């Protein structure tokens, strides 16, 4: 299996490189840079590229953390309270399909060109998927589990710790995987 994946990666890399070189050779334009010069430039500027990649990774980690802080409690509240779910679900389903990149100019006007607008956009991308995944995870918990917890007279914080959070943990990971894949 690893050998097949490795071969596919090598074939893909060679195919993309060959296609890039053919387009560069045929167009002879400044629009498409030379593949060889690009590789040389990337090698010479590898520390600068690593610095920028690290800054981007830090933004993603911060945004993911904030999205989880917002999305998990809100998703649990939506899943547990039908009235709040009925009130907020139309808003979530209205906002969710809008391409989040459309909000970038708005965030840039509000927050400027710095990290705050970029982190806000990433949060905006991730948080709705987390909220909906957690809400659906809470709604899938069988009512008999809640009856057992009530039979033991478990307070709400114990229901959260021992029933709800472990039950929605797969939904949280699924929401993270889906939202960071796009």
Protein backbone atom coordinates (compact mmCIF):
# COMPACT_ATOMS: atom_id res chain seq x y z
CA UNK A 1 0.00 0.00 0.00
CA UNK A 2 2.79 2.42 0.91
CA UNK A 3 4.60 1.52 -2.29
CA UNK A 4 1.49 2.31 -4.38
CA UNK A 5 1.06 5.69 -2.68
CA UNK A 6 4.75 6.48 -3.12
CA UNK A 7 4.60 5.56 -6.81
CA UNK A 8 1.49 7.69 -7.30
CA UNK A 9 3.21 10.65 -5.63
CA UNK A 10 6.28 10.25 -7.83
CA UNK A 11 4.19 9.91 -11.01
CA UNK A 12 2.08 12.92 -9.98
CA UNK A 13 5.15 15.05 -9.27
CA UNK A 14 6.76 14.12 -12.59
CA UNK A 15 3.49 14.75 -14.47
CA UNK A 16 2.96 18.18 -12.93
CA UNK A 17 6.61 19.13 -13.50
CA UNK A 18 6.50 17.98 -17.12
CA UNK A 19 3.22 19.82 -17.76
CA UNK A 20 4.64 22.96 -16.13
CA UNK A 21 7.79 22.82 -18.27
CA UNK A 22 5.78 22.26 -21.49
CA UNK A 23 3.51 25.24 -20.73
CA UNK A 24 6.56 27.37 -19.88
CA UNK A 25 8.34 26.32 -23.07
CA UNK A 26 5.31 26.90 -25.31
CA UNK A 27 4.25 30.26 -23.87
CA UNK A 28 7.67 31.83 -23.25
CA UNK A 29 5.94 34.40 -21.07
CA UNK A 30 6.69 36.04 -17.75
CA UNK A 31 3.33 34.78 -16.57
CA UNK A 32 4.62 31.21 -16.19
CA UNK A 33 8.02 31.09 -14.46
CA UNK A 34 10.69 28.57 -15.32
CA UNK A 35 10.37 25.40 -13.21
CA UNK A 36 14.14 25.19 -12.73
CA UNK A 37 14.50 28.82 -11.66
CA UNK A 38 11.55 28.39 -9.32
CA UNK A 39 13.15 25.38 -7.62
CA UNK A 40 16.47 27.24 -7.31
CA UNK A 41 14.72 30.30 -5.86
CA UNK A 42 12.77 28.11 -3.39
CA UNK A 43 16.00 26.44 -2.29
CA UNK A 44 17.75 29.77 -1.78
CA UNK A 45 14.79 31.18 0.19
CA UNK A 46 13.93 28.02 2.14
CA UNK A 47 14.20 29.72 5.54
CA UNK A 48 11.87 32.51 4.49
CA UNK A 49 9.38 29.94 3.17
CA UNK A 50 9.57 28.01 6.45
CA UNK A 51 9.01 31.22 8.39
CA UNK A 52 5.87 32.04 6.42
CA UNK A 53 4.63 28.44 6.57
CA UNK A 54 5.09 28.52 10.35
CA UNK A 55 3.15 31.78 10.61
CA UNK A 56 0.30 30.29 8.56
CA UNK A 57 0.28 27.14 10.70
CA UNK A 58 0.15 29.26 13.85
CA UNK A 59 -2.85 31.18 12.47
CA UNK A 60 -4.63 27.89 11.71
CA UNK A 61 -3.95 26.49 15.19
CA UNK A 62 -5.19 29.67 16.90
CA UNK A 63 -8.32 29.77 14.72
CA UNK A 64 -9.02 26.08 15.32
CA UNK A 65 -8.71 26.55 19.07
CA UNK A 66 -11.07 29.55 19.07
CA UNK A 67 -13.50 27.71 16.77
CA UNK A 68 -13.61 24.79 19.19
CA UNK A 69 -14.17 27.15 22.13
CA UNK A 70 -17.13 28.69 20.31
CA UNK A 71 -18.49 25.72 18.36
CA UNK A 72 -18.52 22.91 20.92
CA UNK A 73 -20.53 24.70 23.64
CA UNK A 74 -22.88 26.25 21.09
CA UNK A 75 -23.39 22.88 19.39
CA UNK A 76 -24.14 21.24 22.74
CA UNK A 77 -26.61 23.99 23.61
CA UNK A 78 -28.32 23.64 20.23
CA UNK A 79 -28.51 19.87 20.63
CA UNK A 80 -29.89 19.99 24.17
CA UNK A 81 -32.38 22.87 23.83
CA UNK A 82 -34.98 22.50 21.08
CA UNK A 83 -36.17 26.09 21.41
CA UNK A 84 -32.70 27.56 20.83
CA UNK A 85 -32.11 25.04 18.05
CA UNK A 86 -35.33 26.14 16.35
CA UNK A 87 -34.30 29.77 16.72
CA UNK A 88 -30.68 29.52 15.50
CA UNK A 89 -30.79 26.68 12.95
CA UNK A 90 -32.26 28.81 10.13
CA UNK A 91 -29.43 31.31 10.60
CA UNK A 92 -26.82 28.53 10.53
CA UNK A 93 -28.30 26.93 7.43
CA UNK A 94 -28.54 30.32 5.74
CA UNK A 95 -24.92 31.32 6.43
CA UNK A 96 -23.28 27.89 6.06
CA UNK A 97 -23.48 27.49 2.23
CA UNK A 98 -22.16 30.99 1.49
CA UNK A 99 -18.53 30.79 0.31
CA UNK A 100 -16.55 32.03 3.27
CA UNK A 101 -13.92 33.70 1.08
CA UNK A 102 -16.63 36.23 0.18
CA UNK A 103 -16.28 37.56 3.73
CA UNK A 104 -12.54 38.27 3.34
CA UNK A 105 -13.00 41.85 2.05
CA UNK A 106 -15.38 42.57 4.92
CA UNK A 107 -12.92 41.23 7.48
CA UNK A 108 -10.09 43.17 5.86
CA UNK A 109 -12.08 46.40 6.09
CA UNK A 110 -13.02 45.70 9.71
CA UNK A 111 -9.70 44.33 10.98
CA UNK A 112 -7.07 45.46 8.46
CA UNK A 113 -4.47 43.40 6.66
CA UNK A 114 -2.90 41.79 9.73
CA UNK A 115 -3.35 38.48 11.42
CA UNK A 116 -6.70 39.37 12.97
CA UNK A 117 -8.57 39.38 9.65
CA UNK A 118 -6.92 36.13 8.55
CA UNK A 119 -7.63 34.35 11.82
CA UNK A 120 -11.22 35.64 11.80
CA UNK A 121 -11.74 34.27 8.29
CA UNK A 122 -10.38 30.86 9.29
CA UNK A 123 -12.64 30.84 12.36
CA UNK A 124 -15.59 31.76 10.12
CA UNK A 125 -14.74 28.81 7.87
CA UNK A 126 -14.38 26.25 10.66
CA UNK A 127 -16.90 27.22 13.34
CA UNK A 128 -20.13 26.47 11.45
CA UNK A 129 -19.07 22.93 10.63
CA UNK A 130 -18.07 22.36 14.27
CA UNK A 131 -21.40 23.72 15.54
CA UNK A 132 -23.47 21.59 13.19
CA UNK A 133 -21.41 18.44 13.77
CA UNK A 134 -21.60 18.76 17.55
CA UNK A 135 -25.33 19.54 17.45
CA UNK A 136 -25.97 16.47 15.30
CA UNK A 137 -23.79 14.39 17.62
CA UNK A 138 -25.82 15.49 20.65
CA UNK A 139 -29.08 14.78 18.83
CA UNK A 140 -27.91 11.23 18.05
CA UNK A 141 -27.42 10.32 21.71
CA UNK A 142 -30.25 7.89 22.61
CA UNK A 143 -32.75 9.25 25.13
CA UNK A 144 -32.31 6.08 27.21
CA UNK A 145 -28.76 7.24 28.05
CA UNK A 146 -30.16 10.45 29.50
CA UNK A 147 -32.71 8.42 31.49
CA UNK A 148 -29.91 6.34 32.98
CA UNK A 149 -28.04 9.50 33.96
CA UNK A 150 -31.22 10.92 35.51
CA UNK A 151 -31.76 7.63 37.32
CA UNK A 152 -28.38 8.09 38.97
CA UNK A 153 -29.36 11.73 39.69
CA UNK A 154 -26.33 12.98 37.80
CA UNK A 155 -26.08 16.77 37.66
CA UNK A 156 -25.70 18.48 34.28
CA UNK A 157 -21.92 18.82 34.56
CA UNK A 158 -21.59 15.05 35.04
CA UNK A 159 -23.86 14.47 32.06
CA UNK A 160 -21.56 16.74 30.05
CA UNK A 161 -18.37 15.03 31.23
CA UNK A 162 -19.47 11.40 31.15
CA UNK A 163 -22.15 11.29 28.45
CA UNK A 164 -22.33 14.23 26.08
CA UNK A 165 -18.68 15.08 25.52
CA UNK A 166 -17.52 11.48 24.93
CA UNK A 167 -20.48 10.96 22.60
CA UNK A 168 -19.78 14.03 20.49
CA UNK A 169 -16.01 13.63 20.36
CA UNK A 170 -16.16 11.71 17.05
CA UNK A 171 -18.44 14.43 15.66
CA UNK A 172 -15.93 17.09 16.74
CA UNK A 173 -13.10 15.32 14.94
CA UNK A 174 -15.30 14.82 11.88
CA UNK A 175 -16.19 18.51 11.88
CA UNK A 176 -12.52 19.48 12.13
CA UNK A 177 -11.56 17.10 9.34
CA UNK A 178 -14.32 18.32 7.03
CA UNK A 179 -13.78 22.01 7.69
CA UNK A 180 -9.99 21.96 7.39
CA UNK A 181 -10.12 19.90 4.21
CA UNK A 182 -11.86 22.64 2.22
